[in-house]
C-alpha cells in the first residue's frame, strides 16, 4: 500500500517537491498516511488525516489548505479501499 500511496503523492505533488530523479521524496509521508489508512475511513476524515501528516512533517504554510488533499484522499480510497 505504501508504494501505491507514494505513486499517488508523486502524481499530485501537493507541496511541489517531487521530481523524476527523486521518486522517494514523499516516502516518509506515504508511510505515515498508510499507517492512518482505514478501509472504513470516510473521505472528509481521511482528507483531514492526510493534511495533518503534511502539517506535522512540514508546517501549515507549506502544507497549504486541507482542500488540496481531497483529490489525493479520493484516489487513495478508490485505489486501496
N, C-alpha and C. Protein backbone atom coordinates (compact mmCIF):
# COMPACT_ATOMS: atom_id res chain seq x y z
N UNK A 1 0.81 -1.18 0.00
CA UNK A 1 0.00 0.00 0.00
C UNK A 1 0.87 1.26 0.00
N UNK A 2 1.99 1.24 0.70
CA UNK A 2 2.87 2.40 0.75
C UNK A 2 3.32 2.80 -0.65
N UNK A 3 3.61 1.82 -1.50
CA UNK A 3 4.06 2.11 -2.86
C UNK A 3 2.97 2.82 -3.66
N UNK A 4 1.75 2.36 -3.52
CA UNK A 4 0.63 2.98 -4.22
C UNK A 4 0.43 4.41 -3.73
N UNK A 5 0.46 4.59 -2.43
CA UNK A 5 0.29 5.93 -1.86
C UNK A 5 1.42 6.84 -2.33
N UNK A 6 2.63 6.34 -2.36
CA UNK A 6 3.77 7.13 -2.84
C UNK A 6 3.56 7.55 -4.29
N UNK A 7 3.09 6.65 -5.13
CA UNK A 7 2.82 6.98 -6.53
C UNK A 7 1.76 8.08 -6.64
N UNK A 8 0.73 7.98 -5.82
CA UNK A 8 -0.34 8.99 -5.84
C UNK A 8 0.18 10.33 -5.36
N UNK A 9 0.97 10.34 -4.31
CA UNK A 9 1.55 11.60 -3.82
C UNK A 9 2.45 12.23 -4.87
N UNK A 10 3.24 11.43 -5.54
CA UNK A 10 4.10 11.96 -6.61
C UNK A 10 3.26 12.52 -7.76
N UNK A 11 2.16 11.86 -8.07
CA UNK A 11 1.28 12.32 -9.15
C UNK A 11 0.71 13.70 -8.84
N UNK A 12 0.21 13.89 -7.62
CA UNK A 12 -0.42 15.16 -7.25
C UNK A 12 0.59 16.20 -6.75
N UNK A 13 1.69 15.73 -6.20
CA UNK A 13 2.77 16.60 -5.72
C UNK A 13 2.24 17.82 -4.96
N UNK A 14 1.59 17.59 -3.82
CA UNK A 14 0.87 18.67 -3.14
C UNK A 14 1.74 19.83 -2.64
N UNK A 15 3.01 19.60 -2.42
CA UNK A 15 3.86 20.72 -1.98
C UNK A 15 5.04 20.95 -2.93
N UNK A 16 4.91 20.43 -4.13
CA UNK A 16 5.89 20.69 -5.21
C UNK A 16 7.32 20.29 -4.88
N UNK A 17 7.48 19.07 -4.40
CA UNK A 17 8.84 18.59 -4.12
C UNK A 17 9.20 17.34 -4.92
N UNK A 18 8.25 16.78 -5.64
CA UNK A 18 8.51 15.56 -6.41
C UNK A 18 9.33 15.89 -7.66
N UNK A 19 10.16 14.96 -8.03
CA UNK A 19 10.94 15.10 -9.26
C UNK A 19 11.26 13.71 -9.78
N UNK A 20 11.45 13.61 -11.09
CA UNK A 20 11.74 12.30 -11.69
C UNK A 20 13.00 11.67 -11.10
N UNK A 21 13.97 12.50 -10.74
CA UNK A 21 15.21 11.96 -10.19
C UNK A 21 15.14 11.74 -8.67
N UNK A 22 13.97 12.04 -8.06
CA UNK A 22 13.78 11.83 -6.62
C UNK A 22 12.41 11.18 -6.38
N UNK A 23 12.23 9.94 -6.82
CA UNK A 23 10.90 9.32 -6.73
C UNK A 23 10.46 8.99 -5.30
N UNK A 24 11.38 9.02 -4.35
CA UNK A 24 11.03 8.69 -2.96
C UNK A 24 10.88 9.92 -2.08
N UNK A 25 10.74 11.08 -2.68
CA UNK A 25 10.68 12.32 -1.91
C UNK A 25 9.53 12.32 -0.89
N UNK A 26 8.43 11.69 -1.25
CA UNK A 26 7.27 11.63 -0.34
C UNK A 26 7.20 10.31 0.45
N UNK A 27 8.26 9.55 0.48
CA UNK A 27 8.24 8.25 1.16
C UNK A 27 7.87 8.34 2.65
N UNK A 28 8.44 9.28 3.42
CA UNK A 28 8.05 9.35 4.84
C UNK A 28 6.57 9.66 5.02
N UNK A 29 6.05 10.53 4.17
CA UNK A 29 4.63 10.87 4.26
C UNK A 29 3.76 9.68 3.86
N UNK A 30 4.19 8.93 2.86
CA UNK A 30 3.45 7.74 2.42
C UNK A 30 3.36 6.72 3.54
N UNK A 31 4.44 6.54 4.28
CA UNK A 31 4.44 5.60 5.41
C UNK A 31 3.44 6.05 6.46
N UNK A 32 3.45 7.33 6.78
CA UNK A 32 2.53 7.85 7.81
C UNK A 32 1.08 7.77 7.34
N UNK A 33 0.83 8.08 6.08
CA UNK A 33 -0.53 8.01 5.56
C UNK A 33 -1.01 6.56 5.56
N UNK A 34 -0.16 5.63 5.17
CA UNK A 34 -0.52 4.21 5.20
C UNK A 34 -0.87 3.76 6.62
N UNK A 35 -0.19 4.32 7.60
CA UNK A 35 -0.45 3.92 8.99
C UNK A 35 -1.79 4.44 9.50
N UNK A 36 -2.31 5.54 8.93
CA UNK A 36 -3.60 6.06 9.38
C UNK A 36 -4.75 5.60 8.49
N UNK A 37 -4.41 4.94 7.38
CA UNK A 37 -5.44 4.49 6.46
C UNK A 37 -6.30 3.41 7.11
N UNK A 38 -7.59 3.55 6.93
CA UNK A 38 -8.52 2.51 7.39
C UNK A 38 -9.61 2.38 6.34
N UNK A 39 -9.96 1.18 6.01
CA UNK A 39 -10.95 0.95 4.96
C UNK A 39 -12.30 1.59 5.30
N UNK A 40 -12.58 1.76 6.56
CA UNK A 40 -13.86 2.34 6.95
C UNK A 40 -13.81 3.86 7.02
N UNK A 41 -12.66 4.45 6.79
CA UNK A 41 -12.50 5.88 6.90
C UNK A 41 -13.27 6.59 5.79
N UNK A 42 -14.03 7.60 6.14
CA UNK A 42 -14.74 8.34 5.10
C UNK A 42 -13.85 9.44 4.53
N UNK A 43 -14.26 9.99 3.41
CA UNK A 43 -13.44 10.94 2.68
C UNK A 43 -13.05 12.17 3.50
N UNK A 44 -13.97 12.86 4.17
CA UNK A 44 -13.55 14.05 4.94
C UNK A 44 -12.54 13.73 6.04
N UNK A 45 -12.73 12.62 6.73
CA UNK A 45 -11.81 12.24 7.81
C UNK A 45 -10.44 11.89 7.24
N UNK A 46 -10.42 11.15 6.15
CA UNK A 46 -9.15 10.75 5.55
C UNK A 46 -8.43 11.96 4.94
N UNK A 47 -9.17 12.87 4.32
CA UNK A 47 -8.58 14.10 3.78
C UNK A 47 -7.90 14.88 4.91
N UNK A 48 -8.59 15.02 6.02
CA UNK A 48 -8.04 15.73 7.17
C UNK A 48 -6.79 15.01 7.71
N UNK A 49 -6.82 13.69 7.74
CA UNK A 49 -5.67 12.92 8.23
C UNK A 49 -4.45 13.13 7.35
N UNK A 50 -4.64 13.14 6.03
CA UNK A 50 -3.52 13.37 5.11
C UNK A 50 -2.98 14.78 5.30
N UNK A 51 -3.86 15.75 5.39
CA UNK A 51 -3.43 17.14 5.61
C UNK A 51 -2.64 17.25 6.91
N UNK A 52 -3.10 16.60 7.95
CA UNK A 52 -2.41 16.63 9.25
C UNK A 52 -0.99 16.06 9.13
N UNK A 53 -0.83 14.99 8.36
CA UNK A 53 0.51 14.42 8.13
C UNK A 53 1.43 15.49 7.54
N UNK A 54 0.96 16.21 6.55
CA UNK A 54 1.79 17.22 5.89
C UNK A 54 2.06 18.41 6.81
N UNK A 55 1.09 18.80 7.61
CA UNK A 55 1.31 19.89 8.57
C UNK A 55 2.36 19.47 9.59
N UNK A 56 2.27 18.25 10.08
CA UNK A 56 3.23 17.76 11.07
C UNK A 56 4.62 17.54 10.48
N UNK A 57 4.70 17.08 9.24
CA UNK A 57 6.00 16.81 8.62
C UNK A 57 6.68 18.09 8.12
N UNK A 58 5.88 19.08 7.77
CA UNK A 58 6.44 20.34 7.26
C UNK A 58 5.95 21.47 8.16
N UNK A 59 4.96 22.21 7.75
CA UNK A 59 4.28 23.20 8.58
C UNK A 59 2.99 23.58 7.86
N UNK A 60 2.14 24.34 8.53
CA UNK A 60 0.82 24.65 7.97
C UNK A 60 0.92 25.47 6.68
N UNK A 61 1.87 26.37 6.62
CA UNK A 61 2.01 27.20 5.42
C UNK A 61 2.43 26.34 4.23
N UNK A 62 3.43 25.50 4.43
CA UNK A 62 3.91 24.62 3.35
C UNK A 62 2.82 23.63 2.94
N UNK A 63 2.14 23.07 3.91
CA UNK A 63 1.09 22.09 3.62
C UNK A 63 -0.05 22.71 2.82
N UNK A 64 -0.37 23.93 3.12
CA UNK A 64 -1.45 24.59 2.41
C UNK A 64 -2.81 24.15 2.92
N UNK A 65 -3.85 24.49 2.16
CA UNK A 65 -5.22 24.21 2.63
C UNK A 65 -5.57 22.73 2.57
N UNK A 66 -6.44 22.33 3.47
CA UNK A 66 -6.88 20.94 3.53
C UNK A 66 -7.51 20.48 2.22
N UNK A 67 -8.22 21.37 1.52
CA UNK A 67 -8.89 21.01 0.28
C UNK A 67 -7.92 20.47 -0.77
N UNK A 68 -6.66 20.87 -0.70
CA UNK A 68 -5.64 20.41 -1.64
C UNK A 68 -5.49 18.89 -1.59
N UNK A 69 -5.81 18.30 -0.44
CA UNK A 69 -5.57 16.88 -0.22
C UNK A 69 -6.78 16.00 -0.53
N UNK A 70 -7.91 16.61 -0.85
CA UNK A 70 -9.12 15.83 -1.16
C UNK A 70 -8.92 14.92 -2.38
N UNK A 71 -8.39 15.42 -3.51
CA UNK A 71 -8.21 14.50 -4.65
C UNK A 71 -7.25 13.35 -4.33
N UNK A 72 -6.27 13.63 -3.50
CA UNK A 72 -5.32 12.58 -3.08
C UNK A 72 -6.06 11.53 -2.26
N UNK A 73 -6.85 12.00 -1.30
CA UNK A 73 -7.62 11.08 -0.46
C UNK A 73 -8.60 10.26 -1.29
N UNK A 74 -9.25 10.91 -2.24
CA UNK A 74 -10.21 10.21 -3.11
C UNK A 74 -9.51 9.09 -3.88
N UNK A 75 -8.36 9.39 -4.44
CA UNK A 75 -7.67 8.37 -5.24
C UNK A 75 -7.13 7.24 -4.37
N UNK A 76 -6.61 7.56 -3.20
CA UNK A 76 -6.13 6.50 -2.31
C UNK A 76 -7.29 5.61 -1.89
N UNK A 77 -8.40 6.21 -1.50
CA UNK A 77 -9.56 5.41 -1.08
C UNK A 77 -10.10 4.57 -2.23
N UNK A 78 -10.12 5.14 -3.43
CA UNK A 78 -10.61 4.40 -4.60
C UNK A 78 -9.67 3.26 -4.97
N UNK A 79 -8.37 3.51 -4.87
CA UNK A 79 -7.37 2.53 -5.28
C UNK A 79 -7.13 1.46 -4.22
N UNK A 80 -7.07 1.88 -2.97
CA UNK A 80 -6.72 0.94 -1.89
C UNK A 80 -7.92 0.47 -1.08
N UNK A 81 -9.01 1.16 -1.22
CA UNK A 81 -10.19 0.84 -0.39
C UNK A 81 -10.94 -0.30 -0.94
